[in-house]
Amino acid sequence: MKLSDRFDLFHLLMLALALGGALVLGFSGSGSSAVVTGTSRQLEQDLAYRARIAFLRDVYAPVEELMTQGRDQQALLKLAEIARRYPGEGYGLLLRGRILHRLGAVEQAAAAYAEAVRKNPDFVDAQAPLSARQEIAALLETELQPVRQRAVGQGKSPSARRALSDLRYLQSRLAGGCE
């Protein structure tokens, strides 16, 4: 092969440099860099999770404040306002379920809780910062039997059957079942 002009020589030199660089990069990494990358990735995930929790608490603080004041109707309105900005957010659905349960709307509360847990299974984890495990267990303890009676009774209410399905889903999630 005769290298007659500078253009061919330049390309050959660039090809050699590229191959050399690829070899250096390929063989210079050690096994510890993979561990460092894995550790960095886990750290980033933990930081993102904590930032998300702080963000959710900040966004939904007005709703929680209204709830502590006993102003559940206003809390629902504020929640609807926030839901327009962040539609389908699991924590908003969880708060909706909490408010509806306090207002006695058991079937709607069960639907909201079930949808929240479907979006974020951490809500039934006892160690999670935003856990609602105890309140969901209390809902199941007090309302599962009455809803079951309405669902299979003479009227066979379709809304009660949906609520029973949601309550059974929540019961399975509390028991450690998967979807």
Protein backbone atom coordinates (compact mmCIF):
# COMPACT_ATOMS: atom_id res chain seq x y z
CA MET A 1 0.00 0.00 0.00
CA LYS A 2 1.48 3.25 -1.12
CA LEU A 3 0.61 6.39 0.79
CA SER A 4 0.85 8.93 -1.96
CA ASP A 5 -0.80 11.92 -0.44
CA ARG A 6 -1.19 13.54 2.92
CA PHE A 7 -4.92 12.89 3.00
CA ASP A 8 -4.44 9.09 3.11
CA LEU A 9 -1.69 9.45 5.70
CA PHE A 10 -3.90 11.65 7.86
CA HIS A 11 -6.77 9.14 7.77
CA LEU A 12 -4.47 6.25 8.62
CA LEU A 13 -3.05 8.20 11.57
CA MET A 14 -6.56 9.06 12.84
CA LEU A 15 -7.63 5.42 12.56
CA ALA A 16 -4.57 4.30 14.54
CA LEU A 17 -5.24 6.92 17.23
CA ALA A 18 -8.90 5.92 17.49
CA LEU A 19 -8.02 2.24 17.85
CA GLY A 20 -5.35 3.05 20.41
CA GLY A 21 -7.76 5.20 22.41
CA ALA A 22 -10.42 2.49 22.35
CA LEU A 23 -7.89 -0.06 23.60
CA VAL A 24 -6.69 2.23 26.37
CA LEU A 25 -10.24 2.96 27.50
CA GLY A 26 -11.24 -0.69 27.28
CA PHE A 27 -8.35 -2.04 29.31
CA SER A 28 -7.74 0.80 31.75
CA GLY A 29 -10.97 0.24 33.73
CA SER A 30 -10.78 -2.05 36.71
CA GLY A 31 -13.45 -4.03 38.52
CA SER A 32 -13.69 -1.37 41.21
CA SER A 33 -15.01 1.21 38.76
CA ALA A 34 -18.13 -0.92 38.28
CA VAL A 35 -18.62 -0.97 42.05
CA VAL A 36 -18.17 2.79 42.22
CA THR A 37 -20.66 3.25 39.39
CA GLY A 38 -23.17 0.97 41.13
CA THR A 39 -22.68 2.81 44.42
CA SER A 40 -23.07 6.17 42.69
CA ARG A 41 -26.24 4.98 40.99
CA GLN A 42 -27.69 3.79 44.32
CA LEU A 43 -26.77 7.11 45.94
CA GLU A 44 -28.46 9.01 43.11
CA GLN A 45 -31.59 6.88 43.47
CA ASP A 46 -31.70 7.43 47.24
CA LEU A 47 -31.27 11.18 46.81
CA ALA A 48 -33.98 11.30 44.14
CA TYR A 49 -36.36 9.33 46.38
CA ARG A 50 -35.77 11.65 49.33
CA ALA A 51 -36.14 14.72 47.13
CA ARG A 52 -39.42 13.36 45.76
CA ILE A 53 -40.77 12.82 49.28
CA ALA A 54 -39.77 16.33 50.33
CA PHE A 55 -41.35 17.74 47.17
CA LEU A 56 -44.62 15.87 47.75
CA ARG A 57 -44.81 16.99 51.37
CA ASP A 58 -44.21 20.57 50.27
CA VAL A 59 -46.78 20.49 47.45
CA TYR A 60 -49.49 18.83 49.54
CA ALA A 61 -48.77 20.75 52.78
CA PRO A 62 -51.80 23.06 52.31
CA VAL A 63 -54.08 20.02 51.96
CA GLU A 64 -52.67 18.39 55.08
CA GLU A 65 -53.00 21.65 56.98
CA LEU A 66 -56.67 21.93 56.03
CA MET A 67 -57.18 18.32 57.09
CA THR A 68 -55.66 18.93 60.52
CA GLN A 69 -58.00 21.90 60.91
CA GLY A 70 -60.94 19.60 60.13
CA ARG A 71 -61.81 21.47 56.93
CA ASP A 72 -62.15 18.38 54.78
CA GLN A 73 -64.32 19.94 52.06
CA GLN A 74 -61.78 22.73 51.50
CA ALA A 75 -59.01 20.13 51.56
CA LEU A 76 -60.77 18.23 48.75
CA LEU A 77 -61.04 21.44 46.73
CA LYS A 78 -57.36 22.22 47.26
CA LEU A 79 -56.51 18.64 46.34
CA ALA A 80 -58.49 18.97 43.10
CA GLU A 81 -56.58 22.17 42.34
CA ILE A 82 -53.23 20.43 42.87
CA ALA A 83 -54.41 17.41 40.87
CA ARG A 84 -54.91 19.63 37.84
CA ARG A 85 -51.24 20.50 38.00
CA TYR A 86 -50.02 16.99 38.93
CA PRO A 87 -52.67 14.60 37.58
CA GLY A 88 -52.58 11.02 38.78
CA GLU A 89 -50.05 11.61 41.55
CA GLY A 90 -50.23 8.70 43.99
CA TYR A 91 -49.83 10.79 47.13
CA GLY A 92 -52.72 13.02 46.08
CA LEU A 93 -54.86 9.92 45.61
CA LEU A 94 -53.81 8.70 49.04
CA LEU A 95 -54.85 11.99 50.63
CA ARG A 96 -58.12 11.87 48.70
CA GLY A 97 -58.81 8.42 50.12
CA ARG A 98 -58.00 9.63 53.61
CA ILE A 99 -60.37 12.60 53.32
CA LEU A 100 -63.18 10.58 51.75
CA HIS A 101 -62.89 7.97 54.50
CA ARG A 102 -63.16 10.69 57.13
CA LEU A 103 -66.25 12.01 55.36
CA GLY A 104 -67.83 8.55 55.37
CA ALA A 105 -67.61 7.94 51.61
CA VAL A 106 -66.19 4.45 52.05
CA GLU A 107 -66.60 3.21 48.48
CA GLN A 108 -64.88 6.25 46.97
CA ALA A 109 -62.19 6.09 49.65
CA ALA A 110 -61.48 2.44 48.83
CA ALA A 111 -61.18 3.31 45.13
CA ALA A 112 -58.79 6.19 45.86
CA TYR A 113 -56.64 4.10 48.21
CA ALA A 114 -56.49 1.22 45.72
CA GLU A 115 -55.46 3.51 42.87
CA ALA A 116 -52.83 5.17 45.07
CA VAL A 117 -51.34 1.80 46.04
CA ARG A 118 -51.35 0.69 42.40
CA LYS A 119 -49.36 3.79 41.48
CA ASN A 120 -46.99 3.55 44.45
CA PRO A 121 -46.79 0.26 46.39
CA ASP A 122 -44.64 1.98 49.04
CA PHE A 123 -47.85 3.28 50.60
CA VAL A 124 -48.42 -0.16 52.18
CA ASP A 125 -44.80 -0.55 53.28
CA ALA A 126 -44.60 -0.01 57.04
CA GLN A 127 -41.09 1.49 56.82
CA ALA A 128 -41.82 3.90 53.97
CA PRO A 129 -41.90 7.60 54.87
CA LEU A 130 -45.33 8.08 53.29
CA SER A 131 -46.78 4.81 54.57
CA ALA A 132 -50.55 4.54 54.95
CA ARG A 133 -50.49 0.92 56.04
CA GLN A 134 -52.19 1.48 59.40
CA GLU A 135 -55.02 3.61 58.05
CA ILE A 136 -55.66 1.16 55.20
CA ALA A 137 -55.69 -1.70 57.71
CA ALA A 138 -58.18 0.25 59.85
CA LEU A 139 -60.37 0.84 56.80
CA LEU A 140 -60.34 -2.87 56.01
CA GLU A 141 -61.09 -3.82 59.60
CA THR A 142 -64.14 -1.58 59.89
CA GLU A 143 -65.53 -1.56 56.36
CA LEU A 144 -64.74 -4.86 54.63
CA GLN A 145 -67.62 -6.80 56.18
CA PRO A 146 -70.33 -4.13 55.65
CA VAL A 147 -69.23 -3.60 52.04
CA ARG A 148 -69.19 -7.36 51.48
CA GLN A 149 -72.76 -7.59 52.80
CA ARG A 150 -73.91 -4.78 50.50
CA ALA A 151 -72.14 -6.33 47.51
CA VAL A 152 -73.62 -9.81 47.87
CA GLY A 153 -76.89 -8.85 49.54
CA GLN A 154 -80.26 -8.56 47.88
CA GLY A 155 -79.52 -5.24 46.20
CA LYS A 156 -76.12 -6.35 44.87
CA SER A 157 -74.99 -2.79 44.48
CA PRO A 158 -72.50 -2.41 41.58
CA SER A 159 -70.64 0.32 43.43
CA ALA A 160 -70.38 -1.93 46.49
CA ARG A 161 -69.00 -4.73 44.29
CA ARG A 162 -66.34 -2.35 42.92
CA ALA A 163 -65.54 -1.21 46.45
CA LEU A 164 -65.31 -4.84 47.59
CA SER A 165 -62.89 -5.53 44.74
CA ASP A 166 -60.78 -2.51 45.77
CA LEU A 167 -60.84 -3.55 49.43
CA ARG A 168 -59.79 -7.10 48.55
CA TYR A 169 -56.96 -5.69 46.46
CA LEU A 170 -55.82 -3.58 49.41
CA GLN A 171 -56.13 -6.59 51.70
CA SER A 172 -53.91 -8.65 49.41
CA ARG A 173 -51.33 -5.85 49.23
CA LEU A 174 -51.23 -5.59 53.03
CA ALA A 175 -50.74 -9.35 53.22
CA GLY A 176 -47.71 -9.00 50.95
CA GLY A 177 -49.35 -10.15 47.75
CA CYS A 178 -48.47 -8.80 44.38
CA GLU A 179 -50.73 -7.53 41.64
